[in-house]
PDB file of all heavy atoms in Angstrom:
ATOM      1  N   GLN A   1      58.144  51.708 168.139  1.00  0.00           N
ATOM      2  CA  GLN A   1      59.367  52.283 168.697  1.00  0.00           C
ATOM      3  C   GLN A   1      59.289  52.200 170.218  1.00  0.00           C
ATOM      4  O   GLN A   1      58.334  52.699 170.823  1.00  0.00           O
ATOM      5  CB  GLN A   1      59.534  53.734 168.262  1.00  0.00           C
ATOM      6  CG  GLN A   1      59.738  53.914 166.761  1.00  0.00           C
ATOM      7  CD  GLN A   1      59.908  55.373 166.380  1.00  0.00           C
ATOM      8  OE1 GLN A   1      59.426  56.270 167.055  1.00  0.00           O
ATOM      9  NE2 GLN A   1      60.601  55.610 165.287  1.00  0.00           N
ATOM     10  N   VAL A   2      60.276  51.579 170.835  1.00  0.00           N
ATOM     11  CA  VAL A   2      60.254  51.359 172.285  1.00  0.00           C
ATOM     12  C   VAL A   2      61.346  52.169 172.964  1.00  0.00           C
ATOM     13  O   VAL A   2      62.503  52.152 172.541  1.00  0.00           O
ATOM     14  CB  VAL A   2      60.439  49.864 172.625  1.00  0.00           C
ATOM     15  CG1 VAL A   2      60.397  49.650 174.138  1.00  0.00           C
ATOM     16  CG2 VAL A   2      59.366  49.022 171.938  1.00  0.00           C
ATOM     17  N   SER A   3      60.966  52.883 174.032  1.00  0.00           N
ATOM     18  CA  SER A   3      61.934  53.626 174.848  1.00  0.00           C
ATOM     19  C   SER A   3      61.880  53.075 176.267  1.00  0.00           C
ATOM     20  O   SER A   3      60.801  52.942 176.848  1.00  0.00           O
ATOM     21  CB  SER A   3      61.584  55.125 174.878  1.00  0.00           C
ATOM     22  OG  SER A   3      61.677  55.689 173.591  1.00  0.00           O
ATOM     23  N   LEU A   4      63.045  52.744 176.829  1.00  0.00           N
ATOM     24  CA  LEU A   4      63.129  52.208 178.189  1.00  0.00           C
ATOM     25  C   LEU A   4      63.999  53.120 179.039  1.00  0.00           C
ATOM     26  O   LEU A   4      65.129  53.433 178.679  1.00  0.00           O
ATOM     27  CB  LEU A   4      63.710  50.792 178.168  1.00  0.00           C
ATOM     28  CG  LEU A   4      64.002  50.156 179.528  1.00  0.00           C
ATOM     29  CD1 LEU A   4      62.733  50.021 180.348  1.00  0.00           C
ATOM     30  CD2 LEU A   4      64.687  48.809 179.354  1.00  0.00           C
ATOM     31  N   ILE A   5      63.446  53.544 180.176  1.00  0.00           N
ATOM     32  CA  ILE A   5      64.169  54.407 181.110  1.00  0.00           C
ATOM     33  C   ILE A   5      64.269  53.669 182.440  1.00  0.00           C
ATOM     34  O   ILE A   5      63.256  53.207 182.967  1.00  0.00           O
ATOM     35  CB  ILE A   5      63.428  55.738 181.334  1.00  0.00           C
ATOM     36  CG1 ILE A   5      63.218  56.477 180.010  1.00  0.00           C
ATOM     37  CG2 ILE A   5      64.166  56.611 182.336  1.00  0.00           C
ATOM     38  CD1 ILE A   5      62.281  57.660 180.106  1.00  0.00           C
ATOM     39  N   ASP A   6      65.492  53.528 182.976  1.00  0.00           N
ATOM     40  CA  ASP A   6      65.586  52.929 184.310  1.00  0.00           C
ATOM     41  C   ASP A   6      65.768  54.040 185.342  1.00  0.00           C
ATOM     42  O   ASP A   6      66.451  55.034 185.122  1.00  0.00           O
ATOM     43  CB  ASP A   6      66.675  51.861 184.388  1.00  0.00           C
ATOM     44  CG  ASP A   6      68.070  52.394 184.132  1.00  0.00           C
ATOM     45  OD1 ASP A   6      68.256  53.612 184.177  1.00  0.00           O
ATOM     46  OD2 ASP A   6      68.980  51.588 183.902  1.00  0.00           O
ATOM     47  N   ASP A   7      65.094  53.852 186.478  1.00  0.00           N
ATOM     48  CA  ASP A   7      65.074  54.858 187.538  1.00  0.00           C
ATOM     49  C   ASP A   7      64.719  54.128 188.829  1.00  0.00           C
ATOM     50  O   ASP A   7      64.311  52.955 188.800  1.00  0.00           O
ATOM     51  CB  ASP A   7      64.050  55.952 187.213  1.00  0.00           C
ATOM     52  CG  ASP A   7      64.371  57.275 187.889  1.00  0.00           C
ATOM     53  OD1 ASP A   7      65.111  57.267 188.896  1.00  0.00           O
ATOM     54  OD2 ASP A   7      63.891  58.322 187.415  1.00  0.00           O
ATOM     55  N   ASN A   8      64.861  54.816 189.948  1.00  0.00           N
ATOM     56  CA  ASN A   8      64.466  54.184 191.199  1.00  0.00           C
ATOM     57  C   ASN A   8      62.945  54.197 191.346  1.00  0.00           C
ATOM     58  O   ASN A   8      62.227  54.739 190.501  1.00  0.00           O
ATOM     59  CB  ASN A   8      65.139  54.867 192.400  1.00  0.00           C
ATOM     60  CG  ASN A   8      64.814  56.348 192.464  1.00  0.00           C
ATOM     61  OD1 ASN A   8      63.748  56.805 192.065  1.00  0.00           O
ATOM     62  ND2 ASN A   8      65.760  57.132 192.969  1.00  0.00           N
ATOM     63  N   ALA A   9      62.444  53.587 192.413  1.00  0.00           N
ATOM     64  CA  ALA A   9      60.999  53.442 192.594  1.00  0.00           C
ATOM     65  C   ALA A   9      60.279  54.790 192.618  1.00  0.00           C
ATOM     66  O   ALA A   9      59.195  54.945 192.054  1.00  0.00           O
ATOM     67  CB  ALA A   9      60.707  52.661 193.871  1.00  0.00           C
ATOM     68  N   VAL A  10      60.903  55.763 193.247  1.00  0.00           N
ATOM     69  CA  VAL A  10      60.299  57.101 193.306  1.00  0.00           C
ATOM     70  C   VAL A  10      60.260  57.718 191.913  1.00  0.00           C
ATOM     71  O   VAL A  10      59.247  58.292 191.493  1.00  0.00           O
ATOM     72  CB  VAL A  10      61.085  58.015 194.274  1.00  0.00           C
ATOM     73  CG1 VAL A  10      60.543  59.441 194.221  1.00  0.00           C
ATOM     74  CG2 VAL A  10      61.009  57.476 195.693  1.00  0.00           C
ATOM     75  N   GLY A  11      61.355  57.572 191.194  1.00  0.00           N
ATOM     76  CA  GLY A  11      61.469  58.174 189.867  1.00  0.00           C
ATOM     77  C   GLY A  11      60.490  57.619 188.858  1.00  0.00           C
ATOM     78  O   GLY A  11      59.873  58.369 188.099  1.00  0.00           O
ATOM     79  N   ILE A  12      60.323  56.277 188.825  1.00  0.00           N
ATOM     80  CA  ILE A  12      59.429  55.703 187.822  1.00  0.00           C
ATOM     81  C   ILE A  12      57.980  56.091 188.105  1.00  0.00           C
ATOM     82  O   ILE A  12      57.184  56.291 187.177  1.00  0.00           O
ATOM     83  CB  ILE A  12      59.569  54.161 187.729  1.00  0.00           C
ATOM     84  CG1 ILE A  12      59.155  53.477 189.025  1.00  0.00           C
ATOM     85  CG2 ILE A  12      60.972  53.772 187.336  1.00  0.00           C
ATOM     86  CD1 ILE A  12      59.087  51.961 188.916  1.00  0.00           C
ATOM     87  N   GLU A  13      57.643  56.224 189.375  1.00  0.00           N
ATOM     88  CA  GLU A  13      56.276  56.627 189.713  1.00  0.00           C
ATOM     89  C   GLU A  13      56.022  58.073 189.292  1.00  0.00           C
ATOM     90  O   GLU A  13      54.962  58.393 188.748  1.00  0.00           O
ATOM     91  CB  GLU A  13      56.061  56.453 191.221  1.00  0.00           C
ATOM     92  CG  GLU A  13      54.604  56.529 191.646  1.00  0.00           C
ATOM     93  CD  GLU A  13      54.425  56.120 193.087  1.00  0.00           C
ATOM     94  OE1 GLU A  13      54.752  54.970 193.437  1.00  0.00           O
ATOM     95  OE2 GLU A  13      53.943  56.961 193.882  1.00  0.00           O
ATOM     96  N   LYS A  14      56.985  58.938 189.518  1.00  0.00           N
ATOM     97  CA  LYS A  14      56.867  60.341 189.114  1.00  0.00           C
ATOM     98  C   LYS A  14      56.739  60.467 187.596  1.00  0.00           C
ATOM     99  O   LYS A  14      55.936  61.249 187.088  1.00  0.00           O
ATOM    100  CB  LYS A  14      58.061  61.154 189.613  1.00  0.00           C
ATOM    101  CG  LYS A  14      58.050  61.438 191.108  1.00  0.00           C
ATOM    102  CD  LYS A  14      59.241  62.294 191.501  1.00  0.00           C
ATOM    103  CE  LYS A  14      59.193  62.650 192.982  1.00  0.00           C
ATOM    104  NZ  LYS A  14      60.367  63.471 193.398  1.00  0.00           N
ATOM    105  N   ARG A  15      57.543  59.693 186.881  1.00  0.00           N
ATOM    106  CA  ARG A  15      57.504  59.740 185.421  1.00  0.00           C
ATOM    107  C   ARG A  15      56.137  59.288 184.895  1.00  0.00           C
ATOM    108  O   ARG A  15      55.615  59.846 183.934  1.00  0.00           O
ATOM    109  CB  ARG A  15      58.611  58.855 184.835  1.00  0.00           C
ATOM    110  CG  ARG A  15      60.010  59.393 185.038  1.00  0.00           C
ATOM    111  CD  ARG A  15      61.055  58.430 184.492  1.00  0.00           C
ATOM    112  NE  ARG A  15      62.416  58.836 184.792  1.00  0.00           N
ATOM    113  CZ  ARG A  15      63.130  59.690 184.079  1.00  0.00           C
ATOM    114  NH1 ARG A  15      62.599  60.232 182.998  1.00  0.00           N
ATOM    115  NH2 ARG A  15      64.363  60.005 184.416  1.00  0.00           N
ATOM    116  N   LEU A  16      55.585  58.261 185.519  1.00  0.00           N
ATOM    117  CA  LEU A  16      54.280  57.757 185.097  1.00  0.00           C
ATOM    118  C   LEU A  16      53.191  58.807 185.317  1.00  0.00           C
ATOM    119  O   LEU A  16      52.399  59.098 184.416  1.00  0.00           O
ATOM    120  CB  LEU A  16      53.935  56.480 185.870  1.00  0.00           C
ATOM    121  CG  LEU A  16      52.592  55.846 185.501  1.00  0.00           C
ATOM    122  CD1 LEU A  16      52.678  55.176 184.134  1.00  0.00           C
ATOM    123  CD2 LEU A  16      52.163  54.836 186.557  1.00  0.00           C
ATOM    124  N   LEU A  17      53.153  59.388 186.502  1.00  0.00           N
ATOM    125  CA  LEU A  17      52.116  60.367 186.822  1.00  0.00           C
ATOM    126  C   LEU A  17      52.294  61.664 186.029  1.00  0.00           C
ATOM    127  O   LEU A  17      51.320  62.377 185.786  1.00  0.00           O
ATOM    128  CB  LEU A  17      52.121  60.661 188.324  1.00  0.00           C
ATOM    129  CG  LEU A  17      51.701  59.488 189.217  1.00  0.00           C
ATOM    130  CD1 LEU A  17      51.839  59.855 190.691  1.00  0.00           C
ATOM    131  CD2 LEU A  17      50.259  59.067 188.914  1.00  0.00           C
ATOM    132  N   ALA A  18      53.519  61.948 185.612  1.00  0.00           N
ATOM    133  CA  ALA A  18      53.779  63.154 184.804  1.00  0.00           C
ATOM    134  C   ALA A  18      53.458  62.928 183.337  1.00  0.00           C
ATOM    135  O   ALA A  18      53.503  63.858 182.536  1.00  0.00           O
ATOM    136  CB  ALA A  18      55.226  63.592 184.963  1.00  0.00           C
ATOM    137  N   GLY A  19      53.160  61.689 182.958  1.00  0.00           N
ATOM    138  CA  GLY A  19      52.834  61.385 181.570  1.00  0.00           C
ATOM    139  C   GLY A  19      54.054  61.168 180.687  1.00  0.00           C
ATOM    140  O   GLY A  19      53.933  61.121 179.466  1.00  0.00           O
ATOM    141  N   GLU A  20      55.234  60.998 181.298  1.00  0.00           N
ATOM    142  CA  GLU A  20      56.451  60.791 180.521  1.00  0.00           C
ATOM    143  C   GLU A  20      56.541  59.383 179.950  1.00  0.00           C
ATOM    144  O   GLU A  20      57.212  59.155 178.941  1.00  0.00           O
ATOM    145  CB  GLU A  20      57.684  61.064 181.388  1.00  0.00           C
ATOM    146  CG  GLU A  20      57.816  62.505 181.858  1.00  0.00           C
ATOM    147  CD  GLU A  20      59.024  62.693 182.746  1.00  0.00           C
ATOM    148  OE1 GLU A  20      59.965  61.877 182.661  1.00  0.00           O
ATOM    149  OE2 GLU A  20      59.048  63.661 183.535  1.00  0.00           O
ATOM    150  N   VAL A  21      55.888  58.423 180.616  1.00  0.00           N
ATOM    151  CA  VAL A  21      55.922  57.026 180.164  1.00  0.00           C
ATOM    152  C   VAL A  21      54.508  56.454 180.173  1.00  0.00           C
ATOM    153  O   VAL A  21      53.612  56.962 180.860  1.00  0.00           O
ATOM    154  CB  VAL A  21      56.847  56.158 181.058  1.00  0.00           C
ATOM    155  CG1 VAL A  21      58.284  56.620 180.940  1.00  0.00           C
ATOM    156  CG2 VAL A  21      56.378  56.180 182.506  1.00  0.00           C
ATOM    157  N   ASP A  22      54.325  55.381 179.409  1.00  0.00           N
ATOM    158  CA  ASP A  22      53.021  54.714 179.345  1.00  0.00           C
ATOM    159  C   ASP A  22      52.828  53.737 180.497  1.00  0.00           C
ATOM    160  O   ASP A  22      51.727  53.598 181.029  1.00  0.00           O
ATOM    161  CB  ASP A  22      52.886  53.949 178.021  1.00  0.00           C
ATOM    162  CG  ASP A  22      53.076  54.843 176.812  1.00  0.00           C
ATOM    163  OD1 ASP A  22      52.282  55.784 176.661  1.00  0.00           O
ATOM    164  OD2 ASP A  22      54.010  54.611 176.026  1.00  0.00           O
ATOM    165  N   LEU A  23      53.916  53.053 180.860  1.00  0.00           N
ATOM    166  CA  LEU A  23      53.859  52.020 181.888  1.00  0.00           C
ATOM    167  C   LEU A  23      55.102  52.102 182.762  1.00  0.00           C
ATOM    168  O   LEU A  23      56.144  52.597 182.334  1.00  0.00           O
ATOM    169  CB  LEU A  23      53.785  50.626 181.251  1.00  0.00           C
ATOM    170  CG  LEU A  23      52.554  50.311 180.400  1.00  0.00           C
ATOM    171  CD1 LEU A  23      52.792  49.051 179.579  1.00  0.00           C
ATOM    172  CD2 LEU A  23      51.317  50.140 181.272  1.00  0.00           C
ATOM    173  N   ALA A  24      54.982  51.591 183.978  1.00  0.00           N
ATOM    174  CA  ALA A  24      56.132  51.535 184.880  1.00  0.00           C
ATOM    175  C   ALA A  24      56.218  50.141 185.481  1.00  0.00           C
ATOM    176  O   ALA A  24      55.197  49.503 185.749  1.00  0.00           O
ATOM    177  CB  ALA A  24      56.004  52.587 185.978  1.00  0.00           C
ATOM    178  N   LEU A  25      57.434  49.677 185.683  1.00  0.00           N
ATOM    179  CA  LEU A  25      57.680  48.351 186.266  1.00  0.00           C
ATOM    180  C   LEU A  25      58.553  48.493 187.498  1.00  0.00           C
ATOM    181  O   LEU A  25      59.629  49.090 187.442  1.00  0.00           O
ATOM    182  CB  LEU A  25      58.380  47.449 185.249  1.00  0.00           C
ATOM    183  CG  LEU A  25      57.488  46.760 184.225  1.00  0.00           C
ATOM    184  CD1 LEU A  25      58.276  46.452 182.966  1.00  0.00           C
ATOM    185  CD2 LEU A  25      56.908  45.492 184.804  1.00  0.00           C
ATOM    186  N   GLY A  26      58.068  47.956 188.606  1.00  0.00           N
ATOM    187  CA  GLY A  26      58.838  48.034 189.838  1.00  0.00           C
ATOM    188  C   GLY A  26      57.934  47.860 191.033  1.00  0.00           C
ATOM    189  O   GLY A  26      56.816  47.354 190.920  1.00  0.00           O
ATOM    190  N   ASN A  27      58.422  48.298 192.189  1.00  0.00           N
ATOM    191  CA  ASN A  27      57.604  48.257 193.400  1.00  0.00           C
ATOM    192  C   ASN A  27      56.921  49.605 193.554  1.00  0.00           C
ATOM    193  O   ASN A  27      57.568  50.625 193.763  1.00  0.00           O
ATOM    194  CB  ASN A  27      58.449  47.908 194.623  1.00  0.00           C
ATOM    195  CG  ASN A  27      59.699  48.755 194.746  1.00  0.00           C
ATOM    196  OD1 ASN A  27      60.473  48.883 193.797  1.00  0.00           O
ATOM    197  ND2 ASN A  27      59.904  49.343 195.912  1.00  0.00           N
ATOM    198  N   CYS A  28      55.619  49.614 193.414  1.00  0.00           N
ATOM    199  CA  CYS A  28      54.847  50.858 193.484  1.00  0.00           C
ATOM    200  C   CYS A  28      54.773  51.325 194.939  1.00  0.00           C
ATOM    201  O   CYS A  28      54.316  50.580 195.816  1.00  0.00           O
ATOM    202  CB  CYS A  28      53.442  50.615 192.918  1.00  0.00           C
ATOM    203  SG  CYS A  28      52.429  52.094 192.832  1.00  0.00           S
ATOM    204  N   LEU A  29      55.214  52.535 195.194  1.00  0.00           N
ATOM    205  CA  LEU A  29      55.234  53.060 196.559  1.00  0.00           C
ATOM    206  C   LEU A  29      53.864  53.507 197.030  1.00  0.00           C
ATOM    207  O   LEU A  29      53.602  53.577 198.221  1.00  0.00           O
ATOM    208  CB  LEU A  29      56.217  54.238 196.643  1.00  0.00           C
ATOM    209  CG  LEU A  29      57.662  53.923 196.249  1.00  0.00           C
ATOM    210  CD1 LEU A  29      58.504  55.184 196.326  1.00  0.00           C
ATOM    211  CD2 LEU A  29      58.231  52.829 197.133  1.00  0.00           C
ATOM    212  N   HIS A  30      52.993  53.820 196.081  1.00  0.00           N
ATOM    213  CA  HIS A  30      51.650  54.299 196.429  1.00  0.00           C
ATOM    214  C   HIS A  30      50.605  53.529 195.625  1.00  0.00           C
ATOM    215  O   HIS A  30      49.858  54.094 194.837  1.00  0.00           O
ATOM    216  CB  HIS A  30      51.527  55.803 196.155  1.00  0.00           C
ATOM    217  CG  HIS A  30      52.545  56.625 196.880  1.00  0.00           C
ATOM    218  ND1 HIS A  30      53.760  56.994 196.317  1.00  0.00           N
ATOM    219  CD2 HIS A  30      52.550  57.127 198.139  1.00  0.00           C
ATOM    220  CE1 HIS A  30      54.455  57.702 197.201  1.00  0.00           C
ATOM    221  NE2 HIS A  30      53.748  57.802 198.310  1.00  0.00           N
ATOM    222  N   ALA A  31      50.577  52.212 195.843  1.00  0.00           N
ATOM    223  CA  ALA A  31      49.663  51.351 195.095  1.00  0.00           C
ATOM    224  C   ALA A  31      48.201  51.697 195.358  1.00  0.00           C
ATOM    225  O   ALA A  31      47.325  51.407 194.550  1.00  0.00           O
ATOM    226  CB  ALA A  31      49.915  49.890 195.448  1.00  0.00           C
TER     227      ALA A  31
END
């Protein structure tokens, strides 16, 4: 089962660190 959430660069990073998603795709602001 696949769930895809689109968000801005800040949002996807926050979601990843909060454990809401497994992976994030985009430009990482804090690589």
